[in-house]
Amino acid sequence: MKVDVTKNLKRRRYETEVNGYTAFIEYIKAKNAIYLTHTEVPVQLEGNGVGKAMVIEVLKVLKEEGSRVAPLCPFVAAYIKENREWVSLVADGYNVG
Protein backbone atom coordinates (compact mmCIF):
# COMPACT_ATOMS: atom_id res chain seq x y z
CA MET A 1 0.00 0.00 0.00
CA LYS A 2 1.16 3.54 -0.78
CA VAL A 3 -0.13 6.53 1.19
CA ASP A 4 0.35 10.27 1.02
CA VAL A 5 1.44 11.77 4.31
CA THR A 6 0.93 15.38 5.33
CA LYS A 7 2.43 17.18 8.31
CA ASN A 8 -0.21 18.70 10.57
CA LEU A 9 1.77 21.37 12.45
CA LYS A 10 -1.13 22.37 14.70
CA ARG A 11 -1.68 18.82 15.96
CA ARG A 12 2.03 17.87 15.76
CA ARG A 13 1.47 14.75 13.74
CA TYR A 14 1.89 13.23 10.31
CA GLU A 15 -1.43 12.18 8.83
CA THR A 16 -2.87 10.15 6.01
CA GLU A 17 -6.47 9.71 5.01
CA VAL A 18 -7.72 6.41 3.62
CA ASN A 19 -11.38 5.76 2.80
CA GLY A 20 -12.44 8.76 4.90
CA TYR A 21 -10.48 7.68 8.00
CA THR A 22 -7.40 9.45 9.34
CA ALA A 23 -4.37 7.54 10.56
CA PHE A 24 -1.47 9.39 12.16
CA ILE A 25 1.94 9.36 13.79
CA GLU A 26 2.40 11.94 16.55
CA TYR A 27 5.75 13.66 16.98
CA ILE A 28 7.66 16.05 19.19
CA LYS A 29 10.33 18.18 17.57
CA ALA A 30 13.44 18.69 19.68
CA LYS A 31 16.80 20.26 18.92
CA ASN A 32 18.56 16.97 18.26
CA ALA A 33 15.76 14.72 16.94
CA ILE A 34 12.16 14.19 15.96
CA TYR A 35 10.52 12.02 18.61
CA LEU A 36 7.93 9.74 17.01
CA THR A 37 5.71 9.06 20.00
CA HIS A 38 2.51 7.34 18.91
CA THR A 39 1.01 5.69 15.84
CA GLU A 40 -2.74 5.30 15.52
CA VAL A 41 -4.66 3.55 12.77
CA PRO A 42 -8.47 3.50 12.95
CA VAL A 43 -9.90 0.04 13.51
CA GLN A 44 -11.59 0.26 10.11
CA LEU A 45 -8.15 0.36 8.45
CA GLU A 46 -6.31 -2.18 10.60
CA GLY A 47 -4.67 -5.07 8.79
CA ASN A 48 -4.36 -3.23 5.48
CA GLY A 49 -0.76 -2.05 5.85
CA VAL A 50 -1.67 1.58 6.51
CA GLY A 51 0.54 1.89 9.60
CA LYS A 52 3.55 0.39 7.85
CA ALA A 53 3.02 2.57 4.78
CA MET A 54 2.80 5.66 7.00
CA VAL A 55 6.02 4.81 8.83
CA ILE A 56 7.84 4.38 5.51
CA GLU A 57 6.62 7.73 4.17
CA VAL A 58 7.38 9.60 7.41
CA LEU A 59 10.90 8.13 7.53
CA LYS A 60 11.44 9.18 3.90
CA VAL A 61 10.39 12.75 4.75
CA LEU A 62 12.64 12.89 7.80
CA LYS A 63 15.57 11.49 5.83
CA GLU A 64 15.08 14.16 3.15
CA GLU A 65 15.02 16.83 5.88
CA GLY A 66 18.21 15.44 7.40
CA SER A 67 16.45 14.81 10.70
CA ARG A 68 17.37 12.19 13.27
CA VAL A 69 14.62 10.03 14.74
CA ALA A 70 13.92 8.99 18.31
CA PRO A 71 11.45 6.10 17.83
CA LEU A 72 9.56 6.14 21.12
CA CYS A 73 6.53 4.53 19.50
CA PRO A 74 6.90 0.74 19.70
CA PHE A 75 5.36 0.31 16.23
CA VAL A 76 7.92 2.65 14.64
CA ALA A 77 10.79 1.11 16.61
CA ALA A 78 9.76 -2.40 15.53
CA TYR A 79 9.59 -1.32 11.90
CA ILE A 80 13.09 0.18 12.02
CA LYS A 81 14.40 -2.91 13.81
CA GLU A 82 13.03 -5.15 11.04
CA ASN A 83 14.13 -2.82 8.23
CA ARG A 84 17.74 -2.04 9.08
CA GLU A 85 18.19 0.43 6.22
CA TRP A 86 16.51 3.02 8.47
CA VAL A 87 18.78 2.51 11.51
CA SER A 88 21.09 5.30 10.31
CA LEU A 89 18.28 7.79 11.06
CA VAL A 90 18.05 6.78 14.72
CA ALA A 91 19.32 9.53 17.00
CA ASP A 92 22.31 8.96 19.26
CA GLY A 93 21.33 7.38 22.57
CA TYR A 94 18.42 5.40 21.11
CA ASN A 95 18.49 1.74 20.19
CA VAL A 96 15.94 -0.34 18.31
CA GLY A 97 17.70 -3.62 19.00
PDB file of N, CA and C in Angstrom:
ATOM      1  N   MET A   1       0.836  -1.187   0.000  1.00  0.00           N
ATOM      2  CA  MET A   1       0.000   0.000   0.000  1.00  0.00           C
ATOM      3  C   MET A   1       0.877   1.246   0.000  1.00  0.00           C
ATOM      4  N   LYS A   2       0.477   2.247  -0.727  1.00  0.00           N
ATOM      5  CA  LYS A   2       1.164   3.544  -0.784  1.00  0.00           C
ATOM      6  C   LYS A   2       0.207   4.587  -0.234  1.00  0.00           C
ATOM      7  N   VAL A   3       0.704   5.450   0.635  1.00  0.00           N
ATOM      8  CA  VAL A   3      -0.126   6.525   1.189  1.00  0.00           C
ATOM      9  C   VAL A   3       0.589   7.860   1.017  1.00  0.00           C
ATOM     10  N   ASP A   4      -0.193   8.920   1.000  1.00  0.00           N
ATOM     11  CA  ASP A   4       0.349  10.271   1.015  1.00  0.00           C
ATOM     12  C   ASP A   4       0.270  10.778   2.445  1.00  0.00           C
ATOM     13  N   VAL A   5       1.380  11.301   2.936  1.00  0.00           N
ATOM     14  CA  VAL A   5       1.441  11.774   4.310  1.00  0.00           C
ATOM     15  C   VAL A   5       1.584  13.288   4.309  1.00  0.00           C
ATOM     16  N   THR A   6       0.809  13.945   5.155  1.00  0.00           N
ATOM     17  CA  THR A   6       0.927  15.385   5.330  1.00  0.00           C
ATOM     18  C   THR A   6       1.298  15.677   6.779  1.00  0.00           C
ATOM     19  N   LYS A   7       2.003  16.779   6.967  1.00  0.00           N
ATOM     20  CA  LYS A   7       2.426  17.182   8.313  1.00  0.00           C
ATOM     21  C   LYS A   7       1.413  18.187   8.849  1.00  0.00           C
ATOM     22  N   ASN A   8       0.742  17.826   9.925  1.00  0.00           N
ATOM     23  CA  ASN A   8      -0.214  18.704  10.574  1.00  0.00           C
ATOM     24  C   ASN A   8       0.517  19.403  11.715  1.00  0.00           C
ATOM     25  N   LEU A   9       0.972  20.635  11.464  1.00  0.00           N
ATOM     26  CA  LEU A   9       1.767  21.370  12.449  1.00  0.00           C
ATOM     27  C   LEU A   9       0.973  21.680  13.715  1.00  0.00           C
ATOM     28  N   LYS A  10      -0.299  22.009  13.552  1.00  0.00           N
ATOM     29  CA  LYS A  10      -1.132  22.368  14.700  1.00  0.00           C
ATOM     30  C   LYS A  10      -1.284  21.193  15.670  1.00  0.00           C
ATOM     31  N   ARG A  11      -1.480  19.995  15.120  1.00  0.00           N
ATOM     32  CA  ARG A  11      -1.684  18.816  15.965  1.00  0.00           C
ATOM     33  C   ARG A  11      -0.391  18.046  16.221  1.00  0.00           C
ATOM     34  N   ARG A  12       0.712  18.508  15.620  1.00  0.00           N
ATOM     35  CA  ARG A  12       2.026  17.871  15.756  1.00  0.00           C
ATOM     36  C   ARG A  12       1.960  16.382  15.416  1.00  0.00           C
ATOM     37  N   ARG A  13       1.520  16.125  14.194  1.00  0.00           N
ATOM     38  CA  ARG A  13       1.467  14.749  13.740  1.00  0.00           C
ATOM     39  C   ARG A  13       1.503  14.679  12.215  1.00  0.00           C
ATOM     40  N   TYR A  14       1.941  13.535  11.735  1.00  0.00           N
ATOM     41  CA  TYR A  14       1.889  13.228  10.315  1.00  0.00           C
ATOM     42  C   TYR A  14       0.603  12.441  10.106  1.00  0.00           C
ATOM     43  N   GLU A  15      -0.132  12.792   9.047  1.00  0.00           N
ATOM     44  CA  GLU A  15      -1.432  12.183   8.833  1.00  0.00           C
ATOM     45  C   GLU A  15      -1.574  11.623   7.422  1.00  0.00           C
ATOM     46  N   THR A  16      -2.441  10.637   7.304  1.00  0.00           N
ATOM     47  CA  THR A  16      -2.871  10.148   6.006  1.00  0.00           C
ATOM     48  C   THR A  16      -4.346   9.822   6.111  1.00  0.00           C
ATOM     49  N   GLU A  17      -5.058  10.041   5.030  1.00  0.00           N
ATOM     50  CA  GLU A  17      -6.474   9.708   5.007  1.00  0.00           C
ATOM     51  C   GLU A  17      -6.705   8.582   4.004  1.00  0.00           C
ATOM     52  N   VAL A  18      -7.392   7.558   4.460  1.00  0.00           N
ATOM     53  CA  VAL A  18      -7.715   6.407   3.621  1.00  0.00           C
ATOM     54  C   VAL A  18      -9.198   6.088   3.825  1.00  0.00           C
ATOM     55  N   ASN A  19      -9.949   6.086   2.747  1.00  0.00           N
ATOM     56  CA  ASN A  19     -11.383   5.761   2.799  1.00  0.00           C
ATOM     57  C   ASN A  19     -12.138   6.592   3.831  1.00  0.00           C
ATOM     58  N   GLY A  20     -11.750   7.859   3.973  1.00  0.00           N
ATOM     59  CA  GLY A  20     -12.436   8.759   4.897  1.00  0.00           C
ATOM     60  C   GLY A  20     -11.991   8.667   6.345  1.00  0.00           C
ATOM     61  N   TYR A  21     -11.001   7.828   6.640  1.00  0.00           N
ATOM     62  CA  TYR A  21     -10.479   7.675   7.996  1.00  0.00           C
ATOM     63  C   TYR A  21      -9.064   8.233   8.058  1.00  0.00           C
ATOM     64  N   THR A  22      -8.724   8.853   9.181  1.00  0.00           N
ATOM     65  CA  THR A  22      -7.400   9.445   9.345  1.00  0.00           C
ATOM     66  C   THR A  22      -6.539   8.604  10.272  1.00  0.00           C
ATOM     67  N   ALA A  23      -5.388   8.220   9.763  1.00  0.00           N
ATOM     68  CA  ALA A  23      -4.373   7.538  10.562  1.00  0.00           C
ATOM     69  C   ALA A  23      -3.258   8.548  10.793  1.00  0.00           C
ATOM     70  N   PHE A  24      -2.502   8.388  11.888  1.00  0.00           N
ATOM     71  CA  PHE A  24      -1.470   9.393  12.163  1.00  0.00           C
ATOM     72  C   PHE A  24      -0.333   8.847  12.997  1.00  0.00           C
ATOM     73  N   ILE A  25       0.781   9.586  12.925  1.00  0.00           N
ATOM     74  CA  ILE A  25       1.937   9.359  13.786  1.00  0.00           C
ATOM     75  C   ILE A  25       2.218  10.689  14.478  1.00  0.00           C
ATOM     76  N   GLU A  26       2.132  10.719  15.793  1.00  0.00           N
ATOM     77  CA  GLU A  26       2.401  11.941  16.551  1.00  0.00           C
ATOM     78  C   GLU A  26       3.902  12.111  16.733  1.00  0.00           C
ATOM     79  N   TYR A  27       4.325  13.372  16.819  1.00  0.00           N
ATOM     80  CA  TYR A  27       5.745  13.657  16.981  1.00  0.00           C
ATOM     81  C   TYR A  27       5.970  14.837  17.910  1.00  0.00           C
ATOM     82  N   ILE A  28       7.174  14.889  18.442  1.00  0.00           N
ATOM     83  CA  ILE A  28       7.655  16.052  19.193  1.00  0.00           C
ATOM     84  C   ILE A  28       8.974  16.440  18.547  1.00  0.00           C
ATOM     85  N   LYS A  29       9.094  17.709  18.184  1.00  0.00           N
ATOM     86  CA  LYS A  29      10.332  18.175  17.573  1.00  0.00           C
ATOM     87  C   LYS A  29      11.241  18.747  18.655  1.00  0.00           C
ATOM     88  N   ALA A  30      12.431  18.206  18.733  1.00  0.00           N
ATOM     89  CA  ALA A  30      13.437  18.693  19.676  1.00  0.00           C
ATOM     90  C   ALA A  30      14.643  19.178  18.877  1.00  0.00           C
ATOM     91  N   LYS A  31      15.608  19.735  19.581  1.00  0.00           N
ATOM     92  CA  LYS A  31      16.801  20.256  18.917  1.00  0.00           C
ATOM     93  C   LYS A  31      17.572  19.169  18.177  1.00  0.00           C
ATOM     94  N   ASN A  32      17.687  18.011  18.800  1.00  0.00           N
ATOM     95  CA  ASN A  32      18.557  16.971  18.260  1.00  0.00           C
ATOM     96  C   ASN A  32      17.827  15.860  17.503  1.00  0.00           C
ATOM     97  N   ALA A  33      16.479  15.828  17.574  1.00  0.00           N
ATOM     98  CA  ALA A  33      15.762  14.724  16.938  1.00  0.00           C
ATOM     99  C   ALA A  33      14.271  15.018  16.840  1.00  0.00           C
ATOM    100  N   ILE A  34      13.618  14.219  16.020  1.00  0.00           N
ATOM    101  CA  ILE A  34      12.165  14.194  15.959  1.00  0.00           C
ATOM    102  C   ILE A  34      11.736  12.943  16.726  1.00  0.00           C
ATOM    103  N   TYR A  35      11.003  13.127  17.801  1.00  0.00           N
ATOM    104  CA  TYR A  35      10.524  12.017  18.611  1.00  0.00           C
ATOM    105  C   TYR A  35       9.193  11.545  18.031  1.00  0.00           C
ATOM    106  N   LEU A  36       9.169  10.329  17.503  1.00  0.00           N
ATOM    107  CA  LEU A  36       7.928   9.742  17.014  1.00  0.00           C
ATOM    108  C   LEU A  36       7.320   8.981  18.185  1.00  0.00           C
ATOM    109  N   THR A  37       6.209   9.513  18.712  1.00  0.00           N
ATOM    110  CA  THR A  37       5.710   9.062  20.000  1.00  0.00           C
ATOM    111  C   THR A  37       4.535   8.099  19.962  1.00  0.00           C
ATOM    112  N   HIS A  38       3.731   8.163  18.916  1.00  0.00           N
ATOM    113  CA  HIS A  38       2.510   7.345  18.912  1.00  0.00           C
ATOM    114  C   HIS A  38       1.995   7.183  17.493  1.00  0.00           C
ATOM    115  N   THR A  39       1.632   5.969  17.135  1.00  0.00           N
ATOM    116  CA  THR A  39       1.005   5.686  15.845  1.00  0.00           C
ATOM    117  C   THR A  39      -0.407   5.200  16.110  1.00  0.00           C
ATOM    118  N   GLU A  40      -1.350   5.739  15.359  1.00  0.00           N
ATOM    119  CA  GLU A  40      -2.735   5.304  15.524  1.00  0.00           C
ATOM    120  C   GLU A  40      -3.380   5.092  14.154  1.00  0.00           C
ATOM    121  N   VAL A  41      -3.939   3.906  13.994  1.00  0.00           N
ATOM    122  CA  VAL A  41      -4.661   3.547  12.770  1.00  0.00           C
ATOM    123  C   VAL A  41      -6.082   3.189  13.181  1.00  0.00           C
ATOM    124  N   PRO A  42      -7.095   3.839  12.597  1.00  0.00           N
ATOM    125  CA  PRO A  42      -8.470   3.499  12.950  1.00  0.00           C
ATOM    126  C   PRO A  42      -8.753   2.011  12.730  1.00  0.00           C
ATOM    127  N   VAL A  43      -9.589   1.460  13.574  1.00  0.00           N
ATOM    128  CA  VAL A  43      -9.901   0.040  13.513  1.00  0.00           C
ATOM    129  C   VAL A  43     -10.403  -0.366  12.126  1.00  0.00           C
ATOM    130  N   GLN A  44     -11.061   0.552  11.438  1.00  0.00           N
ATOM    131  CA  GLN A  44     -11.592   0.258  10.106  1.00  0.00           C
ATOM    132  C   GLN A  44     -10.480   0.028   9.080  1.00  0.00           C
ATOM    133  N   LEU A  45      -9.269   0.482   9.383  1.00  0.00           N
ATOM    134  CA  LEU A  45      -8.146   0.358   8.447  1.00  0.00           C
ATOM    135  C   LEU A  45      -7.129  -0.687   8.880  1.00  0.00           C
ATOM    136  N   GLU A  46      -7.293  -1.230  10.078  1.00  0.00           N
ATOM    137  CA  GLU A  46      -6.312  -2.180  10.598  1.00  0.00           C
ATOM    138  C   GLU A  46      -6.170  -3.398   9.689  1.00  0.00           C
ATOM    139  N   GLY A  47      -4.940  -3.882   9.573  1.00  0.00           N
ATOM    140  CA  GLY A  47      -4.670  -5.072   8.791  1.00  0.00           C
ATOM    141  C   GLY A  47      -4.494  -4.834   7.302  1.00  0.00           C
ATOM    142  N   ASN A  48      -4.500  -3.566   6.902  1.00  0.00           N
ATOM    143  CA  ASN A  48      -4.364  -3.227   5.484  1.00  0.00           C
ATOM    144  C   ASN A  48      -3.004  -2.633   5.140  1.00  0.00           C
ATOM    145  N   GLY A  49      -2.093  -2.583   6.107  1.00  0.00           N
ATOM    146  CA  GLY A  49      -0.756  -2.046   5.849  1.00  0.00           C
ATOM    147  C   GLY A  49      -0.652  -0.543   5.918  1.00  0.00           C
ATOM    148  N   VAL A  50      -1.680   0.118   6.438  1.00  0.00           N
ATOM    149  CA  VAL A  50      -1.672   1.584   6.512  1.00  0.00           C
ATOM    150  C   VAL A  50      -0.585   2.079   7.462  1.00  0.00           C
ATOM    151  N   GLY A  51      -0.466   1.462   8.630  1.00  0.00           N
ATOM    152  CA  GLY A  51       0.543   1.887   9.599  1.00  0.00           C
ATOM    153  C   GLY A  51       1.944   1.755   9.039  1.00  0.00           C
ATOM    154  N   LYS A  52       2.237   0.621   8.448  1.00  0.00           N
ATOM    155  CA  LYS A  52       3.554   0.385   7.850  1.00  0.00           C
ATOM    156  C   LYS A  52       3.830   1.394   6.735  1.00  0.00           C
ATOM    157  N   ALA A  53       2.852   1.617   5.873  1.00  0.00           N
ATOM    158  CA  ALA A  53       3.024   2.572   4.775  1.00  0.00           C
ATOM    159  C   ALA A  53       3.274   3.977   5.302  1.00  0.00           C
ATOM    160  N   MET A  54       2.581   4.343   6.394  1.00  0.00           N
ATOM    161  CA  MET A  54       2.797   5.662   7.001  1.00  0.00           C
ATOM    162  C   MET A  54       4.201   5.796   7.558  1.00  0.00           C
ATOM    163  N   VAL A  55       4.666   4.775   8.267  1.00  0.00           N
ATOM    164  CA  VAL A  55       6.016   4.809   8.831  1.00  0.00           C
ATOM    165  C   VAL A  55       7.035   4.996   7.712  1.00  0.00           C
ATOM    166  N   ILE A  56       6.905   4.264   6.633  1.00  0.00           N
ATOM    167  CA  ILE A  56       7.839   4.379   5.511  1.00  0.00           C
ATOM    168  C   ILE A  56       7.859   5.807   4.972  1.00  0.00           C
ATOM    169  N   GLU A  57       6.685   6.384   4.735  1.00  0.00           N
ATOM    170  CA  GLU A  57       6.621   7.731   4.167  1.00  0.00           C
ATOM    171  C   GLU A  57       7.170   8.782   5.135  1.00  0.00           C
ATOM    172  N   VAL A  58       6.865   8.644   6.427  1.00  0.00           N
ATOM    173  CA  VAL A  58       7.383   9.599   7.414  1.00  0.00           C
ATOM    174  C   VAL A  58       8.910   9.502   7.490  1.00  0.00           C
ATOM    175  N   LEU A  59       9.441   8.288   7.498  1.00  0.00           N
ATOM    176  CA  LEU A  59      10.901   8.129   7.530  1.00  0.00           C
ATOM    177  C   LEU A  59      11.550   8.713   6.284  1.00  0.00           C
ATOM    178  N   LYS A  60      10.914   8.579   5.137  1.00  0.00           N
ATOM    179  CA  LYS A  60      11.439   9.184   3.905  1.00  0.00           C
ATOM    180  C   LYS A  60      11.506  10.700   4.034  1.00  0.00           C
ATOM    181  N   VAL A  61      10.436  11.289   4.561  1.00  0.00           N
ATOM    182  CA  VAL A  61      10.388  12.746   4.747  1.00  0.00           C
ATOM    183  C   VAL A  61      11.490  13.193   5.695  1.00  0.00           C
ATOM    184  N   LEU A  62      11.628  12.501   6.817  1.00  0.00           N
ATOM    185  CA  LEU A  62      12.637  12.890   7.805  1.00  0.00           C
ATOM    186  C   LEU A  62      14.049  12.709   7.259  1.00  0.00           C
ATOM    187  N   LYS A  63      14.258  11.693   6.455  1.00  0.00           N
ATOM    188  CA  LYS A  63      15.567  11.494   5.832  1.00  0.00           C
ATOM    189  C   LYS A  63      15.884  12.646   4.883  1.00  0.00           C
ATOM    190  N   GLU A  64      14.903  13.035   4.071  1.00  0.00           N
ATOM    191  CA  GLU A  64      15.085  14.165   3.151  1.00  0.00           C
ATOM    192  C   GLU A  64      15.394  15.458   3.895  1.00  0.00           C
ATOM    193  N   GLU A  65      14.789  15.633   5.064  1.00  0.00           N
ATOM    194  CA  GLU A  65      15.020  16.829   5.884  1.00  0.00           C
ATOM    195  C   GLU A  65      16.357  16.778   6.615  1.00  0.00           C
ATOM    196  N   GLY A  66      16.976  15.609   6.650  1.00  0.00           N
ATOM    197  CA  GLY A  66      18.213  15.444   7.395  1.00  0.00           C
ATOM    198  C   GLY A  66      17.995  15.326   8.891  1.00  0.00           C
ATOM    199  N   SER A  67      16.795  14.932   9.271  1.00  0.00           N
ATOM    200  CA  SER A  67      16.448  14.810  10.695  1.00  0.00           C
ATOM    201  C   SER A  67      16.875  13.455  11.245  1.00  0.00           C
ATOM    202  N   ARG A  68      17.126  13.440  12.532  1.00  0.00           N
ATOM    203  CA  ARG A  68      17.372  12.194  13.268  1.00  0.00           C
ATOM    204  C   ARG A  68      16.070  11.826  13.968  1.00  0.00           C
ATOM    205  N   VAL A  69      15.879  10.539  14.203  1.00  0.00           N
ATOM    206  CA  VAL A  69      14.621  10.032  14.741  1.00  0.00           C
ATOM    207  C   VAL A  69      14.850   9.374  16.096  1.00  0.00           C
ATOM    208  N   ALA A  70      13.970   9.694  17.034  1.00  0.00           N
ATOM    209  CA  ALA A  70      13.916   8.989  18.313  1.00  0.00           C
ATOM    210  C   ALA A  70      12.607   8.200  18.300  1.00  0.00           C
ATOM    211  N   PRO A  71      12.668   6.899  17.982  1.00  0.00           N
ATOM    212  CA  PRO A  71      11.453   6.104  17.825  1.00  0.00           C
ATOM    213  C   PRO A  71      10.886   5.627  19.166  1.00  0.00           C
ATOM    214  N   LEU A  72      10.159   6.498  19.837  1.00  0.00           N
ATOM    215  CA  LEU A  72       9.564   6.138  21.122  1.00  0.00           C
ATOM    216  C   LEU A  72       8.328   5.267  20.945  1.00  0.00           C
ATOM    217  N   CYS A  73       7.688   5.362  19.807  1.00  0.00           N
ATOM    218  CA  CYS A  73       6.528   4.530  19.496  1.00  0.00           C
ATOM    219  C   CYS A  73       6.998   3.108  19.214  1.00  0.00           C
ATOM    220  N   PRO A  74       6.468   2.115  19.922  1.00  0.00           N
ATOM    221  CA  PRO A  74       6.897   0.735  19.698  1.00  0.00           C
ATOM    222  C   PRO A  74       6.683   0.246  18.264  1.00  0.00           C
ATOM    223  N   PHE A  75       5.633   0.711  17.608  1.00  0.00           N
ATOM    224  CA  PHE A  75       5.363   0.306  16.230  1.00  0.00           C
ATOM    225  C   PHE A  75       6.460   0.811  15.298  1.00  0.00           C
ATOM    226  N   VAL A  76       6.850   2.073  15.461  1.00  0.00           N
ATOM    227  CA  VAL A  76       7.917   2.653  14.637  1.00  0.00           C
ATOM    228  C   VAL A  76       9.245   1.967  14.941  1.00  0.00           C
ATOM    229  N   ALA A  77       9.539   1.774  16.220  1.00  0.00           N
ATOM    230  CA  ALA A  77      10.794   1.115  16.605  1.00  0.00           C
ATOM    231  C   ALA A  77      10.876  -0.293  16.024  1.00  0.00           C
ATOM    232  N   ALA A  78       9.777  -1.033  16.077  1.00  0.00           N
ATOM    233  CA  ALA A  78       9.763  -2.400  15.528  1.00  0.00           C
ATOM    234  C   ALA A  78       9.986  -2.385  14.026  1.00  0.00           C
ATOM    235  N   TYR A  79       9.397  -1.405  13.345  1.00  0.00           N
ATOM    236  CA  TYR A  79       9.589  -1.319  11.895  1.00  0.00           C
ATOM    237  C   TYR A  79      11.060  -1.063  11.564  1.00  0.00           C
ATOM    238  N   ILE A  80      11.676  -0.125  12.271  1.00  0.00           N
ATOM    239  CA  ILE A  80      13.089   0.184  12.022  1.00  0.00           C
ATOM    240  C   ILE A  80      13.960  -1.032  12.349  1.00  0.00           C
ATOM    241  N   LYS A  81      13.639  -1.723  13.430  1.00  0.00           N
ATOM    242  CA  LYS A  81      14.403  -2.915  13.811  1.00  0.00           C
ATOM    243  C   LYS A  81      14.354  -3.976  12.714  1.00  0.00           C
ATOM    244  N   GLU A  82      13.204  -4.139  12.089  1.00  0.00           N
ATOM    245  CA  GLU A  82      13.033  -5.149  11.041  1.00  0.00           C
ATOM    246  C   GLU A  82      13.535  -4.687   9.675  1.00  0.00           C
ATOM    247  N   ASN A  83      13.708  -3.399   9.511  1.00  0.00           N
ATOM    248  CA  ASN A  83      14.127  -2.823   8.234  1.00  0.00           C
ATOM    249  C   ASN A  83      15.365  -1.966   8.481  1.00  0.00           C
ATOM    250  N   ARG A  84      16.491  -2.637   8.601  1.00  0.00           N
ATOM    251  CA  ARG A  84      17.737  -2.042   9.083  1.00  0.00           C
ATOM    252  C   ARG A  84      18.237  -0.864   8.253  1.00  0.00           C
ATOM    253  N   GLU A  85      17.736  -0.708   7.035  1.00  0.00           N
ATOM    254  CA  GLU A  85      18.189   0.426   6.215  1.00  0.00           C
ATOM    255  C   GLU A  85      17.826   1.773   6.835  1.00  0.00           C
ATOM    256  N   TRP A  86      16.917   1.779   7.811  1.00  0.00           N
ATOM    257  CA  TRP A  86      16.507   3.020   8.472  1.00  0.00           C
ATOM    258  C   TRP A  86      17.267   3.292   9.773  1.00  0.00           C
ATOM    259  N   VAL A  87      18.074   2.357  10.231  1.00  0.00           N
ATOM    260  CA  VAL A  87      18.779   2.513  11.513  1.00  0.00           C
ATOM    261  C   VAL A  87      19.676   3.755  11.514  1.00  0.00           C
ATOM    262  N   SER A  88      20.199   4.123  10.380  1.00  0.00           N
ATOM    263  CA  SER A  88      21.085   5.302  10.307  1.00  0.00           C
ATOM    264  C   SER A  88      20.363   6.593  10.691  1.00  0.00           C
ATOM    265  N   LEU A  89      19.038   6.594  10.672  1.00  0.00           N
ATOM    266  CA  LEU A  89      18.279   7.792  11.061  1.00  0.00           C
ATOM    267  C   LEU A  89      18.084   7.895  12.572  1.00  0.00           C
ATOM    268  N   VAL A  90      18.308   6.803  13.276  1.00  0.00           N
ATOM    269  CA  VAL A  90      18.050   6.782  14.716  1.00  0.00           C
ATOM    270  C   VAL A  90      19.039   7.687  15.445  1.00  0.00           C
ATOM    271  N   ALA A  91      18.508   8.559  16.277  1.00  0.00           N
ATOM    272  CA  ALA A  91      19.320   9.531  17.004  1.00  0.00           C
ATOM    273  C   ALA A  91      20.244   8.832  18.006  1.00  0.00           C
ATOM    274  N   ASP A  92      21.365   9.478  18.274  1.00  0.00           N
ATOM    275  CA  ASP A  92      22.311   8.964  19.257  1.00  0.00           C
ATOM    276  C   ASP A  92      21.609   8.764  20.598  1.00  0.00           C
ATOM    277  N   GLY A  93      21.924   7.664  21.264  1.00  0.00           N
ATOM    278  CA  GLY A  93      21.332   7.376  22.565  1.00  0.00           C
ATOM    279  C   GLY A  93      20.077   6.530  22.486  1.00  0.00           C
ATOM    280  N   TYR A  94      19.608   6.226  21.282  1.00  0.00           N
ATOM    281  CA  TYR A  94      18.423   5.395  21.112  1.00  0.00           C
ATOM    282  C   TYR A  94      18.806   4.121  20.389  1.00  0.00           C
ATOM    283  N   ASN A  95      18.150   3.037  20.755  1.00  0.00           N
ATOM    284  CA  ASN A  95      18.489   1.743  20.189  1.00  0.00           C
ATOM    285  C   ASN A  95      17.195   1.006  19.869  1.00  0.00           C
ATOM    286  N   VAL A  96      17.118   0.427  18.683  1.00  0.00           N
ATOM    287  CA  VAL A  96      15.940  -0.336  18.312  1.00  0.00           C
ATOM    288  C   VAL A  96      16.201  -1.841  18.372  1.00  0.00           C
ATOM    289  N   GLY A  97      17.389  -2.207  18.841  1.00  0.00           N
ATOM    290  CA  GLY A  97      17.703  -3.619  18.999  1.00  0.00           C
ATOM    291  C   GLY A  97      18.478  -4.213  17.865  1.00  0.00           C
TER     292      GLY A  97
END
